[in-house]
N, C-alpha and C. Protein backbone atom coordinates (compact mmCIF):
# COMPACT_ATOMS: atom_id res chain seq x y z
N UNK A 1 0.85 -1.18 0.00
CA UNK A 1 0.00 0.00 0.00
C UNK A 1 0.89 1.24 0.00
N UNK A 2 0.54 2.21 -0.80
CA UNK A 2 1.35 3.42 -0.89
C UNK A 2 0.78 4.52 0.00
N UNK A 3 1.53 5.58 0.13
CA UNK A 3 1.12 6.73 0.91
C UNK A 3 -0.03 7.44 0.21
N UNK A 4 -1.06 7.76 0.95
CA UNK A 4 -2.25 8.41 0.39
C UNK A 4 -2.00 9.92 0.26
N UNK A 5 -1.07 10.28 -0.60
CA UNK A 5 -0.71 11.68 -0.81
C UNK A 5 -1.33 12.18 -2.10
N UNK A 6 -1.61 13.45 -2.15
CA UNK A 6 -2.13 14.03 -3.39
C UNK A 6 -1.01 14.34 -4.37
N UNK A 7 0.25 14.19 -3.91
CA UNK A 7 1.41 14.46 -4.76
C UNK A 7 1.88 13.18 -5.45
N UNK A 8 2.23 13.30 -6.72
CA UNK A 8 2.77 12.16 -7.46
C UNK A 8 4.19 11.83 -7.00
N UNK A 9 4.90 12.85 -6.52
CA UNK A 9 6.28 12.69 -6.11
C UNK A 9 6.53 13.52 -4.86
N UNK A 10 7.44 13.07 -4.01
CA UNK A 10 7.82 13.87 -2.85
C UNK A 10 8.35 15.23 -3.27
N UNK A 11 8.96 15.31 -4.45
CA UNK A 11 9.48 16.57 -4.96
C UNK A 11 8.40 17.57 -5.33
N UNK A 12 7.14 17.16 -5.27
CA UNK A 12 6.02 18.06 -5.55
C UNK A 12 5.43 18.65 -4.27
N UNK A 13 5.91 18.21 -3.11
CA UNK A 13 5.37 18.66 -1.83
C UNK A 13 6.12 19.90 -1.34
N UNK A 14 5.48 21.08 -1.34
CA UNK A 14 6.18 22.28 -0.87
C UNK A 14 6.61 22.17 0.59
N UNK A 15 5.78 21.52 1.40
CA UNK A 15 6.13 21.37 2.82
C UNK A 15 7.38 20.53 3.02
N UNK A 16 7.46 19.41 2.31
CA UNK A 16 8.64 18.55 2.42
C UNK A 16 9.87 19.26 1.88
N UNK A 17 9.73 19.94 0.77
CA UNK A 17 10.87 20.68 0.21
C UNK A 17 11.35 21.76 1.18
N UNK A 18 10.40 22.48 1.78
CA UNK A 18 10.78 23.52 2.75
C UNK A 18 11.50 22.90 3.94
N UNK A 19 11.01 21.76 4.41
CA UNK A 19 11.64 21.03 5.52
C UNK A 19 13.08 20.67 5.17
N UNK A 20 13.27 20.09 3.98
CA UNK A 20 14.60 19.65 3.57
C UNK A 20 15.56 20.83 3.41
N UNK A 21 15.11 21.88 2.77
CA UNK A 21 15.95 23.06 2.55
C UNK A 21 16.26 23.73 3.89
N UNK A 22 15.26 23.84 4.76
CA UNK A 22 15.47 24.46 6.07
C UNK A 22 16.51 23.69 6.88
N UNK A 23 16.43 22.37 6.87
CA UNK A 23 17.41 21.57 7.61
C UNK A 23 18.82 21.80 7.07
N UNK A 24 18.96 21.86 5.77
CA UNK A 24 20.29 22.09 5.18
C UNK A 24 20.79 23.50 5.48
N UNK A 25 19.88 24.47 5.41
CA UNK A 25 20.26 25.86 5.72
C UNK A 25 20.68 25.98 7.20
N UNK A 26 19.91 25.34 8.09
CA UNK A 26 20.26 25.39 9.52
C UNK A 26 21.61 24.75 9.79
N UNK A 27 21.92 23.66 9.10
CA UNK A 27 23.23 23.01 9.27
C UNK A 27 24.34 23.96 8.81
N UNK A 28 24.11 24.65 7.70
CA UNK A 28 25.10 25.61 7.21
C UNK A 28 25.28 26.75 8.21
N UNK A 29 24.19 27.23 8.78
CA UNK A 29 24.28 28.32 9.77
C UNK A 29 24.98 27.85 11.05
N UNK A 30 24.69 26.62 11.48
CA UNK A 30 25.40 26.09 12.67
C UNK A 30 26.90 26.10 12.44
N UNK A 31 27.32 25.67 11.26
CA UNK A 31 28.75 25.64 10.95
C UNK A 31 29.32 27.06 10.90
N UNK A 32 28.57 27.99 10.34
CA UNK A 32 29.05 29.38 10.24
C UNK A 32 29.17 30.03 11.62
N UNK A 33 28.29 29.66 12.54
CA UNK A 33 28.28 30.28 13.87
C UNK A 33 29.17 29.56 14.89
N UNK A 34 29.64 28.37 14.55
CA UNK A 34 30.46 27.60 15.49
C UNK A 34 31.68 28.37 16.00
N UNK A 35 32.42 29.08 15.13
CA UNK A 35 33.58 29.82 15.64
C UNK A 35 33.22 30.92 16.65
N UNK A 36 31.96 31.31 16.69
CA UNK A 36 31.52 32.37 17.60
C UNK A 36 30.88 31.79 18.86
N UNK A 37 30.83 30.47 18.95
CA UNK A 37 30.23 29.78 20.09
C UNK A 37 28.79 30.24 20.34
N UNK A 38 28.04 30.35 19.22
CA UNK A 38 26.64 30.75 19.29
C UNK A 38 25.78 29.73 18.56
N UNK A 39 24.63 29.40 19.14
CA UNK A 39 23.64 28.66 18.40
C UNK A 39 22.93 29.65 17.49
N UNK A 40 22.16 29.13 16.54
CA UNK A 40 21.48 30.04 15.63
C UNK A 40 20.45 30.89 16.38
N UNK A 41 19.69 30.31 17.29
CA UNK A 41 18.70 31.09 18.03
C UNK A 41 19.38 32.12 18.93
N UNK A 42 20.53 31.79 19.50
CA UNK A 42 21.27 32.78 20.29
C UNK A 42 21.67 33.96 19.41
N UNK A 43 22.17 33.64 18.21
CA UNK A 43 22.54 34.71 17.28
C UNK A 43 21.33 35.56 16.91
N UNK A 44 20.23 34.92 16.56
CA UNK A 44 19.03 35.67 16.15
C UNK A 44 18.59 36.62 17.25
N UNK A 45 18.53 36.15 18.49
CA UNK A 45 18.10 37.02 19.58
C UNK A 45 19.12 38.12 19.86
N UNK A 46 20.39 37.79 19.81
CA UNK A 46 21.43 38.79 20.06
C UNK A 46 21.43 39.86 18.96
N UNK A 47 21.33 39.44 17.72
CA UNK A 47 21.32 40.38 16.60
C UNK A 47 20.03 41.22 16.61
N UNK A 48 18.90 40.58 16.88
CA UNK A 48 17.63 41.31 16.93
C UNK A 48 17.64 42.33 18.05
N UNK A 49 18.15 41.93 19.21
CA UNK A 49 18.25 42.86 20.33
C UNK A 49 19.17 44.03 19.99
N UNK A 50 20.29 43.75 19.36
CA UNK A 50 21.22 44.82 18.97
C UNK A 50 20.53 45.79 18.03
N UNK A 51 19.75 45.27 17.08
CA UNK A 51 19.01 46.11 16.15
C UNK A 51 17.95 46.93 16.87
N UNK A 52 17.12 46.27 17.68
CA UNK A 52 16.01 46.96 18.35
C UNK A 52 16.48 47.99 19.36
N UNK A 53 17.56 47.69 20.04
CA UNK A 53 18.05 48.56 21.11
C UNK A 53 18.45 49.94 20.59
N UNK A 54 18.77 50.04 19.31
CA UNK A 54 19.14 51.34 18.73
C UNK A 54 17.99 52.33 18.80
N UNK A 55 16.75 51.83 18.95
CA UNK A 55 15.57 52.70 19.01
C UNK A 55 15.07 52.93 20.43
N UNK A 56 15.75 52.38 21.42
CA UNK A 56 15.34 52.58 22.80
C UNK A 56 15.23 51.28 23.56
N UNK A 57 14.69 51.36 24.80
CA UNK A 57 14.58 50.17 25.65
C UNK A 57 13.76 49.07 24.99
N UNK A 58 14.17 47.83 25.23
CA UNK A 58 13.52 46.65 24.63
C UNK A 58 13.03 45.74 25.74
N UNK A 59 11.78 45.32 25.62
CA UNK A 59 11.26 44.33 26.55
C UNK A 59 11.47 42.94 25.96
N UNK A 60 11.46 41.96 26.82
CA UNK A 60 11.60 40.58 26.37
C UNK A 60 10.45 40.21 25.43
N UNK A 61 9.26 40.70 25.71
CA UNK A 61 8.09 40.43 24.87
C UNK A 61 8.30 41.00 23.46
N UNK A 62 8.80 42.23 23.38
CA UNK A 62 9.04 42.85 22.07
C UNK A 62 10.13 42.11 21.31
N UNK A 63 11.15 41.66 22.01
CA UNK A 63 12.23 40.91 21.38
C UNK A 63 11.71 39.60 20.80
N UNK A 64 10.93 38.86 21.58
CA UNK A 64 10.37 37.59 21.12
C UNK A 64 9.45 37.81 19.92
N UNK A 65 8.67 38.88 19.95
CA UNK A 65 7.76 39.16 18.84
C UNK A 65 8.53 39.47 17.56
N UNK A 66 9.55 40.28 17.66
CA UNK A 66 10.33 40.65 16.46
C UNK A 66 11.09 39.45 15.90
N UNK A 67 11.62 38.61 16.78
CA UNK A 67 12.38 37.44 16.34
C UNK A 67 11.48 36.26 15.98
N UNK A 68 10.18 36.38 16.30
CA UNK A 68 9.21 35.29 16.07
C UNK A 68 9.64 34.02 16.81
N UNK A 69 10.05 34.20 18.06
CA UNK A 69 10.45 33.07 18.90
C UNK A 69 9.45 32.89 20.03
N UNK A 70 9.37 31.69 20.53
CA UNK A 70 8.51 31.38 21.66
C UNK A 70 8.99 32.15 22.89
N UNK A 71 8.08 32.82 23.61
CA UNK A 71 8.50 33.62 24.77
C UNK A 71 9.27 32.83 25.84
N UNK A 72 8.85 31.58 26.11
CA UNK A 72 9.56 30.78 27.12
C UNK A 72 10.96 30.42 26.64
N UNK A 73 11.09 30.05 25.38
CA UNK A 73 12.40 29.73 24.83
C UNK A 73 13.27 30.99 24.82
N UNK A 74 12.66 32.12 24.48
CA UNK A 74 13.39 33.38 24.47
C UNK A 74 13.98 33.64 25.85
N UNK A 75 13.20 33.43 26.88
CA UNK A 75 13.66 33.64 28.26
C UNK A 75 14.84 32.74 28.58
N UNK A 76 14.75 31.48 28.19
CA UNK A 76 15.84 30.54 28.46
C UNK A 76 17.12 30.93 27.72
N UNK A 77 16.98 31.31 26.47
CA UNK A 77 18.16 31.69 25.68
C UNK A 77 18.76 32.98 26.24
N UNK A 78 17.92 33.92 26.65
CA UNK A 78 18.45 35.16 27.24
C UNK A 78 19.22 34.88 28.52
N UNK A 79 18.76 33.91 29.31
CA UNK A 79 19.51 33.56 30.52
C UNK A 79 20.89 33.04 30.16
N UNK A 80 20.97 32.24 29.10
CA UNK A 80 22.28 31.75 28.65
C UNK A 80 23.16 32.90 28.19
N UNK A 81 22.60 33.79 27.39
CA UNK A 81 23.37 34.95 26.92
C UNK A 81 23.79 35.85 28.08
N UNK A 82 22.92 35.97 29.08
CA UNK A 82 23.23 36.78 30.26
C UNK A 82 24.37 36.14 31.05
N UNK A 83 24.38 34.82 31.15
CA UNK A 83 25.45 34.13 31.88
C UNK A 83 26.81 34.33 31.19
N UNK A 84 26.77 34.61 29.90
CA UNK A 84 28.00 34.88 29.14
C UNK A 84 28.31 36.37 29.07
N UNK A 85 27.56 37.18 29.80
CA UNK A 85 27.68 38.65 29.85
C UNK A 85 27.55 39.29 28.46
N UNK A 86 26.69 38.71 27.63
CA UNK A 86 26.41 39.27 26.31
C UNK A 86 25.16 40.14 26.35
N UNK A 87 24.28 39.91 27.32
CA UNK A 87 23.11 40.75 27.56
C UNK A 87 22.99 40.97 29.06
N UNK A 88 22.22 42.00 29.41
CA UNK A 88 21.90 42.23 30.81
C UNK A 88 20.48 42.78 30.88
N UNK A 89 19.96 42.88 32.10
CA UNK A 89 18.56 43.29 32.29
C UNK A 89 18.49 44.52 33.19
N UNK A 90 18.66 45.69 32.60
CA UNK A 90 18.56 46.92 33.40
C UNK A 90 17.09 47.24 33.72
N UNK A 91 16.89 48.12 34.67
CA UNK A 91 15.53 48.58 34.96
C UNK A 91 14.97 49.27 33.72
N UNK A 92 13.68 49.08 33.49
CA UNK A 92 13.04 49.75 32.36
C UNK A 92 12.86 51.23 32.72
N UNK A 93 13.24 52.14 31.85
CA UNK A 93 13.21 53.56 32.20
C UNK A 93 11.81 54.16 32.38
N UNK A 94 10.79 53.55 31.80
CA UNK A 94 9.45 54.14 31.91
C UNK A 94 8.44 53.26 32.63
N UNK A 95 8.79 52.02 32.92
CA UNK A 95 7.89 51.10 33.61
C UNK A 95 8.62 50.51 34.80
N UNK A 96 8.31 51.03 36.00
CA UNK A 96 9.04 50.61 37.19
C UNK A 96 8.85 49.12 37.51
N UNK A 97 7.79 48.51 37.00
CA UNK A 97 7.54 47.10 37.27
C UNK A 97 8.32 46.18 36.34
N UNK A 98 8.81 46.73 35.24
CA UNK A 98 9.43 45.89 34.20
C UNK A 98 10.94 46.03 34.18
N UNK A 99 11.56 45.05 33.57
CA UNK A 99 12.98 45.11 33.29
C UNK A 99 13.11 45.14 31.77
N UNK A 100 14.09 45.85 31.33
CA UNK A 100 14.41 45.84 29.91
C UNK A 100 15.43 44.72 29.69
N UNK A 101 15.70 44.42 28.46
CA UNK A 101 16.80 43.52 28.15
C UNK A 101 17.69 44.31 27.20
N UNK A 102 18.99 44.27 27.46
CA UNK A 102 19.92 45.09 26.68
C UNK A 102 21.17 44.30 26.36
N UNK A 103 21.72 44.59 25.21
CA UNK A 103 22.96 43.95 24.78
C UNK A 103 24.13 44.69 25.45
N UNK A 104 25.13 43.95 25.86
CA UNK A 104 26.33 44.57 26.42
C UNK A 104 27.27 44.93 25.27
N UNK A 105 28.33 45.63 25.59
CA UNK A 105 29.32 45.97 24.56
C UNK A 105 29.91 44.69 23.95
N UNK A 106 30.19 43.69 24.79
CA UNK A 106 30.71 42.42 24.29
C UNK A 106 29.68 41.72 23.40
N UNK A 107 28.41 41.80 23.77
CA UNK A 107 27.35 41.20 22.96
C UNK A 107 27.20 41.89 21.62
N UNK A 108 27.26 43.21 21.62
CA UNK A 108 27.16 43.98 20.37
C UNK A 108 28.33 43.65 19.46
N UNK A 109 29.52 43.56 20.04
CA UNK A 109 30.71 43.22 19.25
C UNK A 109 30.57 41.83 18.63
N UNK A 110 30.12 40.87 19.43
CA UNK A 110 29.96 39.51 18.93
C UNK A 110 28.88 39.45 17.84
N UNK A 111 27.77 40.13 18.06
CA UNK A 111 26.69 40.14 17.05
C UNK A 111 27.19 40.73 15.74
N UNK A 112 27.96 41.79 15.82
CA UNK A 112 28.46 42.43 14.60
C UNK A 112 29.52 41.60 13.88
N UNK A 113 30.29 40.81 14.62
CA UNK A 113 31.23 39.90 13.96
C UNK A 113 30.51 38.70 13.36
N UNK A 114 29.56 38.15 14.11
CA UNK A 114 28.85 36.95 13.67
C UNK A 114 27.93 37.24 12.48
N UNK A 115 27.36 38.43 12.41
CA UNK A 115 26.43 38.73 11.31
C UNK A 115 27.16 38.68 9.97
N UNK A 116 28.43 38.97 9.95
CA UNK A 116 29.21 38.89 8.71
C UNK A 116 29.24 37.43 8.24
N UNK A 117 29.48 36.50 9.17
CA UNK A 117 29.51 35.08 8.82
C UNK A 117 28.14 34.57 8.42
N UNK A 118 27.10 35.01 9.11
CA UNK A 118 25.73 34.58 8.80
C UNK A 118 25.32 35.07 7.42
N UNK A 119 25.62 36.32 7.11
CA UNK A 119 25.25 36.85 5.80
C UNK A 119 26.08 36.23 4.68
N UNK A 120 27.33 35.90 4.95
CA UNK A 120 28.14 35.20 3.94
C UNK A 120 27.59 33.79 3.71
N UNK A 121 27.16 33.14 4.78
CA UNK A 121 26.54 31.82 4.66
C UNK A 121 25.27 31.90 3.83
N UNK A 122 24.44 32.89 4.10
CA UNK A 122 23.21 33.08 3.31
C UNK A 122 23.54 33.32 1.84
N UNK A 123 24.52 34.18 1.58
CA UNK A 123 24.88 34.48 0.19
C UNK A 123 25.31 33.21 -0.55
N UNK A 124 26.10 32.37 0.11
CA UNK A 124 26.54 31.13 -0.51
C UNK A 124 25.38 30.15 -0.67
N UNK A 125 24.56 30.02 0.38
CA UNK A 125 23.47 29.05 0.35
C UNK A 125 22.43 29.40 -0.70
N UNK A 126 22.05 30.66 -0.78
CA UNK A 126 20.99 31.07 -1.70
C UNK A 126 21.53 31.56 -3.04
N UNK A 127 22.84 31.48 -3.23
CA UNK A 127 23.46 31.99 -4.45
C UNK A 127 22.96 31.36 -5.72
N UNK A 128 22.58 30.08 -5.68
CA UNK A 128 22.09 29.41 -6.89
C UNK A 128 20.78 30.02 -7.41
N UNK A 129 20.09 30.78 -6.58
CA UNK A 129 18.85 31.40 -7.04
C UNK A 129 19.11 32.57 -7.99
N UNK A 130 20.30 33.13 -7.93
CA UNK A 130 20.66 34.23 -8.84
C UNK A 130 19.64 35.34 -8.82
N UNK A 131 19.16 35.72 -10.00
CA UNK A 131 18.22 36.84 -10.09
C UNK A 131 16.81 36.47 -9.63
N UNK A 132 16.60 35.21 -9.23
CA UNK A 132 15.31 34.80 -8.66
C UNK A 132 15.24 35.07 -7.16
N UNK A 133 16.36 35.44 -6.55
CA UNK A 133 16.40 35.65 -5.10
C UNK A 133 15.40 36.70 -4.63
N UNK A 134 15.29 37.88 -5.26
CA UNK A 134 14.30 38.85 -4.77
C UNK A 134 12.87 38.30 -4.77
N UNK A 135 12.50 37.53 -5.78
CA UNK A 135 11.16 36.93 -5.81
C UNK A 135 10.98 35.90 -4.70
N UNK A 136 12.05 35.16 -4.42
CA UNK A 136 12.01 34.17 -3.34
C UNK A 136 11.81 34.87 -2.00
N UNK A 137 12.54 35.97 -1.80
CA UNK A 137 12.40 36.73 -0.55
C UNK A 137 10.98 37.28 -0.43
N UNK A 138 10.43 37.77 -1.51
CA UNK A 138 9.05 38.27 -1.50
C UNK A 138 8.08 37.15 -1.13
N UNK A 139 8.28 35.96 -1.69
CA UNK A 139 7.42 34.82 -1.37
C UNK A 139 7.54 34.44 0.11
N UNK A 140 8.75 34.49 0.66
CA UNK A 140 8.93 34.19 2.08
C UNK A 140 8.20 35.22 2.95
N UNK A 141 8.28 36.49 2.57
CA UNK A 141 7.55 37.54 3.32
C UNK A 141 6.05 37.27 3.30
N UNK A 142 5.53 36.86 2.14
CA UNK A 142 4.11 36.54 2.01
C UNK A 142 3.74 35.41 2.96
N UNK A 143 4.55 34.36 2.99
CA UNK A 143 4.28 33.23 3.89
C UNK A 143 4.39 33.64 5.35
N UNK A 144 5.36 34.48 5.67
CA UNK A 144 5.51 34.95 7.06
C UNK A 144 4.27 35.73 7.48
N UNK A 145 3.82 36.61 6.63
CA UNK A 145 2.65 37.44 6.95
C UNK A 145 1.40 36.58 7.08
N UNK A 146 1.16 35.70 6.12
CA UNK A 146 -0.07 34.89 6.17
C UNK A 146 -0.05 33.89 7.32
N UNK A 147 1.13 33.37 7.67
CA UNK A 147 1.19 32.41 8.79
C UNK A 147 1.02 33.13 10.13
N UNK A 148 1.42 34.39 10.20
CA UNK A 148 1.25 35.16 11.45
C UNK A 148 -0.21 35.50 11.67
N UNK A 149 -0.96 35.63 10.59
CA UNK A 149 -2.38 35.97 10.69
C UNK A 149 -3.23 34.76 11.01
N UNK A 150 -2.70 33.56 10.80
CA UNK A 150 -3.48 32.34 10.99
C UNK A 150 -3.67 32.01 12.47
């Protein structure tokens, strides 16, 4: 008995293809980030925090929303980054009940060094798309937006 799929071939399944490509991309990113002793999620949160902090105080909730990460996982990863003195939690300047989360100078330096490796990895990984890359990025934005609304 065969699989009751509507696809004639596994290569026709967008979900399976996305899974396979994502796994290969994540492996490439792990290798690119290894010299910086960062996991990919640590890098994403550190880089996102560095970006957001330029506009003012950042809450953990805002960081998780921008990075599209689970709030509980975000908290755990931030504790790891805090133990490495890459982030800290100062008092929030306008909400006495809240703490902000902020990147340290060492964290900002690491994020700025690691982003070069991450972007080089992306350029190599997605390079085969050539002039189709902008359309691919547009399609990914569409999927991100529609999946957030679901």
